[in-house]
Amino acid sequence: MAETRCISCGAAPLAPILHLGTTPLANALLTKEQIGKPEPRFPLELRFCATCSLVQITEKVPPEQMFREYAYFSSFSDTIVSQAGARSRRTARSSRSSTRSTRRASGSGSD
């Protein structure tokens, strides 16, 4: 069902920007058996809300259809996670050290 009001602020009407017709879901990869058979298609239309400046699509795809066989997998690198952890520990130590130095210099406290 197409949205007629802004999904952010509720204003209407939404100004049409681009209409790409109907398209299959992105990442809805077909098996060999499915090729050549009809697949679900949804309107792909962009509209602009002049009230809050949000550009949005107008059609909501039911989540059970969109994510039934969703091919996207989030991932992370163990190296990046390790480096981020080390950096945050260094930053925390540096921040504590800086606070102690400031207290000593101002005479407002002691360690």
N, C-alpha and C. Protein backbone atom coordinates (compact mmCIF):
# COMPACT_ATOMS: atom_id res chain seq x y z
N MET A 1 0.84 -1.18 0.00
CA MET A 1 0.00 0.00 0.00
C MET A 1 0.89 1.25 0.00
N ALA A 2 0.62 2.16 -0.87
CA ALA A 2 1.43 3.36 -1.03
C ALA A 2 1.14 4.38 0.05
N GLU A 3 2.21 5.00 0.54
CA GLU A 3 2.10 6.08 1.53
C GLU A 3 1.64 7.35 0.82
N THR A 4 0.69 8.05 1.43
CA THR A 4 0.23 9.32 0.87
C THR A 4 0.67 10.49 1.75
N ARG A 5 1.15 10.18 2.96
CA ARG A 5 1.63 11.19 3.89
C ARG A 5 3.09 10.90 4.22
N CYS A 6 3.82 11.92 4.64
CA CYS A 6 5.22 11.78 5.00
C CYS A 6 5.38 10.81 6.17
N ILE A 7 6.30 9.87 6.06
CA ILE A 7 6.51 8.90 7.13
C ILE A 7 7.24 9.52 8.32
N SER A 8 7.80 10.72 8.15
CA SER A 8 8.50 11.39 9.24
C SER A 8 7.61 12.39 9.97
N CYS A 9 7.05 13.33 9.22
CA CYS A 9 6.29 14.41 9.86
C CYS A 9 4.78 14.33 9.64
N GLY A 10 4.33 13.45 8.75
CA GLY A 10 2.90 13.29 8.51
C GLY A 10 2.28 14.26 7.52
N ALA A 11 3.10 15.17 6.97
CA ALA A 11 2.57 16.17 6.03
C ALA A 11 2.14 15.52 4.71
N ALA A 12 1.25 16.22 4.02
CA ALA A 12 0.81 15.80 2.69
C ALA A 12 0.57 17.06 1.88
N PRO A 13 0.61 17.03 0.60
CA PRO A 13 0.97 15.89 -0.25
C PRO A 13 2.49 15.77 -0.38
N LEU A 14 2.90 14.63 -0.91
CA LEU A 14 4.30 14.38 -1.22
C LEU A 14 4.52 14.63 -2.70
N ALA A 15 5.58 15.34 -3.03
CA ALA A 15 5.84 15.67 -4.44
C ALA A 15 6.59 14.53 -5.13
N PRO A 16 6.09 14.04 -6.26
CA PRO A 16 6.80 12.97 -6.97
C PRO A 16 8.15 13.47 -7.51
N ILE A 17 9.17 12.64 -7.37
CA ILE A 17 10.51 12.97 -7.88
C ILE A 17 10.89 12.03 -9.01
N LEU A 18 10.76 10.72 -8.75
CA LEU A 18 11.22 9.72 -9.70
C LEU A 18 10.36 8.47 -9.57
N HIS A 19 9.90 7.96 -10.70
CA HIS A 19 9.11 6.73 -10.69
C HIS A 19 9.81 5.72 -11.60
N LEU A 20 10.24 4.62 -11.02
CA LEU A 20 10.97 3.60 -11.78
C LEU A 20 10.11 2.38 -12.11
N GLY A 21 8.82 2.55 -12.04
CA GLY A 21 7.92 1.43 -12.36
C GLY A 21 7.91 0.43 -11.23
N THR A 22 7.67 -0.83 -11.58
CA THR A 22 7.69 -1.88 -10.56
C THR A 22 8.98 -2.68 -10.72
N THR A 23 9.55 -3.05 -9.59
CA THR A 23 10.82 -3.78 -9.61
C THR A 23 10.75 -4.94 -8.62
N PRO A 24 11.53 -5.99 -8.88
CA PRO A 24 11.63 -7.06 -7.88
C PRO A 24 12.46 -6.57 -6.70
N LEU A 25 12.38 -7.28 -5.61
CA LEU A 25 13.15 -6.91 -4.42
C LEU A 25 14.64 -7.05 -4.69
N ALA A 26 15.41 -6.09 -4.20
CA ALA A 26 16.87 -6.20 -4.28
C ALA A 26 17.31 -7.40 -3.45
N ASN A 27 18.32 -8.09 -3.92
CA ASN A 27 18.87 -9.27 -3.24
C ASN A 27 17.92 -10.46 -3.18
N ALA A 28 16.81 -10.40 -3.90
CA ALA A 28 15.91 -11.56 -3.96
C ALA A 28 16.41 -12.44 -5.11
N LEU A 29 17.48 -13.14 -4.84
CA LEU A 29 18.13 -13.93 -5.88
C LEU A 29 17.30 -15.16 -6.22
N LEU A 30 17.24 -15.46 -7.50
CA LEU A 30 16.42 -16.58 -7.97
C LEU A 30 17.24 -17.85 -8.09
N THR A 31 16.59 -18.97 -7.83
CA THR A 31 17.22 -20.26 -8.09
C THR A 31 17.03 -20.59 -9.57
N LYS A 32 17.71 -21.60 -10.06
CA LYS A 32 17.56 -22.02 -11.47
C LYS A 32 16.10 -22.32 -11.78
N GLU A 33 15.41 -22.94 -10.82
CA GLU A 33 14.01 -23.31 -11.03
C GLU A 33 13.08 -22.10 -11.10
N GLN A 34 13.46 -21.00 -10.48
CA GLN A 34 12.61 -19.81 -10.43
C GLN A 34 12.80 -18.89 -11.64
N ILE A 35 13.92 -19.04 -12.34
CA ILE A 35 14.19 -18.17 -13.49
C ILE A 35 13.12 -18.40 -14.55
N GLY A 36 12.57 -17.31 -15.04
CA GLY A 36 11.53 -17.39 -16.05
C GLY A 36 10.12 -17.40 -15.49
N LYS A 37 10.00 -17.62 -14.19
CA LYS A 37 8.68 -17.59 -13.55
C LYS A 37 8.42 -16.20 -13.00
N PRO A 38 7.15 -15.83 -12.85
CA PRO A 38 6.84 -14.50 -12.30
C PRO A 38 7.38 -14.37 -10.87
N GLU A 39 7.89 -13.19 -10.56
CA GLU A 39 8.36 -12.93 -9.20
C GLU A 39 7.66 -11.68 -8.67
N PRO A 40 7.55 -11.57 -7.37
CA PRO A 40 6.88 -10.39 -6.81
C PRO A 40 7.59 -9.10 -7.21
N ARG A 41 6.80 -8.11 -7.58
CA ARG A 41 7.34 -6.81 -7.97
C ARG A 41 6.60 -5.74 -7.18
N PHE A 42 7.30 -4.65 -6.90
CA PHE A 42 6.72 -3.58 -6.10
C PHE A 42 7.01 -2.24 -6.75
N PRO A 43 6.08 -1.28 -6.63
CA PRO A 43 6.32 0.05 -7.19
C PRO A 43 7.54 0.68 -6.51
N LEU A 44 8.39 1.31 -7.31
CA LEU A 44 9.55 2.02 -6.77
C LEU A 44 9.44 3.47 -7.19
N GLU A 45 8.94 4.29 -6.26
CA GLU A 45 8.70 5.69 -6.54
C GLU A 45 9.25 6.53 -5.39
N LEU A 46 10.02 7.56 -5.76
CA LEU A 46 10.54 8.50 -4.77
C LEU A 46 9.65 9.73 -4.73
N ARG A 47 9.38 10.19 -3.52
CA ARG A 47 8.62 11.42 -3.33
C ARG A 47 9.31 12.29 -2.29
N PHE A 48 9.06 13.60 -2.37
CA PHE A 48 9.70 14.59 -1.52
C PHE A 48 8.67 15.26 -0.62
N CYS A 49 9.02 15.39 0.67
CA CYS A 49 8.17 16.12 1.60
C CYS A 49 8.72 17.54 1.74
N ALA A 50 7.95 18.52 1.31
CA ALA A 50 8.38 19.92 1.37
C ALA A 50 8.42 20.44 2.80
N THR A 51 7.72 19.80 3.72
CA THR A 51 7.69 20.25 5.11
C THR A 51 8.98 19.92 5.86
N CYS A 52 9.45 18.67 5.73
CA CYS A 52 10.65 18.27 6.49
C CYS A 52 11.82 17.88 5.59
N SER A 53 11.64 17.96 4.27
CA SER A 53 12.69 17.69 3.27
C SER A 53 13.11 16.23 3.17
N LEU A 54 12.29 15.32 3.67
CA LEU A 54 12.61 13.91 3.57
C LEU A 54 12.26 13.38 2.19
N VAL A 55 13.21 12.68 1.56
CA VAL A 55 12.95 11.96 0.32
C VAL A 55 12.68 10.52 0.72
N GLN A 56 11.60 9.95 0.23
CA GLN A 56 11.16 8.64 0.68
C GLN A 56 10.52 7.84 -0.43
N ILE A 57 10.52 6.52 -0.27
CA ILE A 57 9.77 5.69 -1.19
C ILE A 57 8.34 5.61 -0.67
N THR A 58 7.42 5.34 -1.56
CA THR A 58 6.00 5.39 -1.16
C THR A 58 5.42 4.03 -0.84
N GLU A 59 6.06 2.98 -1.26
CA GLU A 59 5.49 1.64 -1.08
C GLU A 59 6.18 0.92 0.07
N LYS A 60 5.39 0.36 0.97
CA LYS A 60 5.94 -0.46 2.06
C LYS A 60 5.84 -1.92 1.66
N VAL A 61 6.97 -2.60 1.66
CA VAL A 61 7.00 -4.03 1.37
C VAL A 61 6.86 -4.76 2.70
N PRO A 62 5.96 -5.73 2.77
CA PRO A 62 5.80 -6.48 4.03
C PRO A 62 7.13 -7.13 4.45
N PRO A 63 7.54 -6.96 5.72
CA PRO A 63 8.82 -7.51 6.18
C PRO A 63 8.98 -9.01 5.92
N GLU A 64 7.88 -9.75 6.03
CA GLU A 64 7.99 -11.20 5.81
C GLU A 64 8.36 -11.52 4.36
N GLN A 65 8.04 -10.63 3.44
CA GLN A 65 8.46 -10.83 2.05
C GLN A 65 9.88 -10.31 1.83
N MET A 66 10.19 -9.18 2.42
CA MET A 66 11.49 -8.56 2.20
C MET A 66 12.62 -9.36 2.82
N PHE A 67 12.40 -9.95 3.99
CA PHE A 67 13.48 -10.60 4.72
C PHE A 67 13.39 -12.11 4.77
N ARG A 68 12.53 -12.69 3.97
CA ARG A 68 12.37 -14.15 3.97
C ARG A 68 13.68 -14.85 3.66
N GLU A 69 14.36 -14.45 2.63
CA GLU A 69 15.67 -15.01 2.28
C GLU A 69 16.62 -13.85 2.01
N TYR A 70 16.87 -13.08 3.03
CA TYR A 70 17.68 -11.88 2.91
C TYR A 70 19.15 -12.25 2.77
N ALA A 71 19.80 -11.79 1.72
CA ALA A 71 21.16 -12.20 1.42
C ALA A 71 22.24 -11.35 2.08
N TYR A 72 21.87 -10.32 2.83
CA TYR A 72 22.86 -9.45 3.45
C TYR A 72 23.27 -10.01 4.81
N PHE A 73 24.56 -10.09 5.03
CA PHE A 73 25.08 -10.52 6.32
C PHE A 73 26.02 -9.44 6.84
N SER A 74 25.72 -8.91 8.01
CA SER A 74 26.64 -7.93 8.58
C SER A 74 27.88 -8.68 9.05
N SER A 75 28.98 -7.99 9.01
CA SER A 75 30.22 -8.63 9.44
C SER A 75 31.13 -7.60 10.06
N PHE A 76 32.19 -8.09 10.66
CA PHE A 76 33.18 -7.21 11.23
C PHE A 76 34.52 -7.91 11.16
N SER A 77 35.55 -7.15 11.29
CA SER A 77 36.90 -7.67 11.26
C SER A 77 37.40 -7.78 12.69
N ASP A 78 37.90 -8.94 13.08
CA ASP A 78 38.46 -9.11 14.42
C ASP A 78 39.58 -8.10 14.67
N THR A 79 40.36 -7.81 13.63
CA THR A 79 41.46 -6.85 13.76
C THR A 79 40.94 -5.46 14.08
N ILE A 80 39.90 -5.03 13.39
CA ILE A 80 39.34 -3.70 13.63
C ILE A 80 38.72 -3.63 15.02
N VAL A 81 38.02 -4.67 15.45
CA VAL A 81 37.43 -4.68 16.78
C VAL A 81 38.53 -4.60 17.84
N SER A 82 39.61 -5.34 17.65
CA SER A 82 40.73 -5.32 18.59
C SER A 82 41.38 -3.94 18.65
N GLN A 83 41.61 -3.34 17.48
CA GLN A 83 42.22 -2.02 17.44
C GLN A 83 41.32 -0.96 18.08
N ALA A 84 40.03 -1.05 17.84
CA ALA A 84 39.10 -0.09 18.44
C ALA A 84 39.09 -0.23 19.96
N GLY A 85 39.13 -1.46 20.45
CA GLY A 85 39.18 -1.68 21.90
C GLY A 85 40.44 -1.11 22.51
N ALA A 86 41.59 -1.34 21.87
CA ALA A 86 42.86 -0.81 22.37
C ALA A 86 42.85 0.71 22.37
N ARG A 87 42.32 1.29 21.31
CA ARG A 87 42.26 2.77 21.24
C ARG A 87 41.36 3.33 22.33
N SER A 88 40.22 2.70 22.58
CA SER A 88 39.31 3.22 23.61
C SER A 88 39.94 3.09 25.00
N ARG A 89 40.69 2.00 25.25
CA ARG A 89 41.38 1.88 26.54
C ARG A 89 42.45 2.94 26.70
N ARG A 90 43.21 3.22 25.63
CA ARG A 90 44.23 4.29 25.70
C ARG A 90 43.58 5.65 25.94
N THR A 91 42.47 5.90 25.27
CA THR A 91 41.77 7.17 25.43
C THR A 91 41.26 7.32 26.86
N ALA A 92 40.71 6.25 27.43
CA ALA A 92 40.20 6.30 28.80
C ALA A 92 41.35 6.55 29.78
N ARG A 93 42.49 5.86 29.61
CA ARG A 93 43.65 6.08 30.49
C ARG A 93 44.15 7.51 30.37
N SER A 94 44.23 8.00 29.15
CA SER A 94 44.71 9.37 28.91
C SER A 94 43.77 10.38 29.54
N SER A 95 42.48 10.14 29.45
CA SER A 95 41.49 11.05 30.02
C SER A 95 41.61 11.08 31.54
N ARG A 96 41.78 9.92 32.17
CA ARG A 96 41.93 9.87 33.63
C ARG A 96 43.21 10.57 34.05
N SER A 97 44.29 10.36 33.32
CA SER A 97 45.57 10.98 33.63
C SER A 97 45.48 12.50 33.49
N SER A 98 44.81 12.96 32.46
CA SER A 98 44.64 14.40 32.22
C SER A 98 43.83 15.03 33.34
N THR A 99 42.82 14.34 33.83
CA THR A 99 41.98 14.86 34.91
C THR A 99 42.79 14.99 36.19
N ARG A 100 43.63 14.00 36.50
CA ARG A 100 44.47 14.06 37.70
C ARG A 100 45.46 15.21 37.60
N SER A 101 46.07 15.39 36.43
CA SER A 101 47.03 16.48 36.25
C SER A 101 46.38 17.84 36.43
N THR A 102 45.17 17.99 35.93
CA THR A 102 44.43 19.24 36.05
C THR A 102 44.12 19.54 37.51
N ARG A 103 43.73 18.51 38.26
CA ARG A 103 43.41 18.70 39.68
C ARG A 103 44.66 19.14 40.44
N ARG A 104 45.81 18.48 40.18
CA ARG A 104 47.05 18.83 40.87
C ARG A 104 47.46 20.26 40.54
N ALA A 105 47.37 20.63 39.28
CA ALA A 105 47.79 21.96 38.86
C ALA A 105 46.91 23.05 39.47
N SER A 106 45.63 22.74 39.66
CA SER A 106 44.72 23.76 40.18
C SER A 106 44.68 23.73 41.71
N GLY A 107 45.28 22.68 42.31
CA GLY A 107 45.25 22.56 43.76
C GLY A 107 43.89 22.15 44.29
N SER A 108 43.05 21.59 43.42
CA SER A 108 41.69 21.26 43.83
C SER A 108 41.54 19.84 44.35
N GLY A 109 42.62 19.08 44.38
CA GLY A 109 42.49 17.72 44.85
C GLY A 109 43.81 17.02 44.78
N SER A 110 43.83 15.81 45.29
CA SER A 110 45.07 15.05 45.22
C SER A 110 44.75 13.61 44.86
N ASP A 111 45.77 12.93 44.39
CA ASP A 111 45.61 11.52 44.04
C ASP A 111 46.01 10.64 45.17
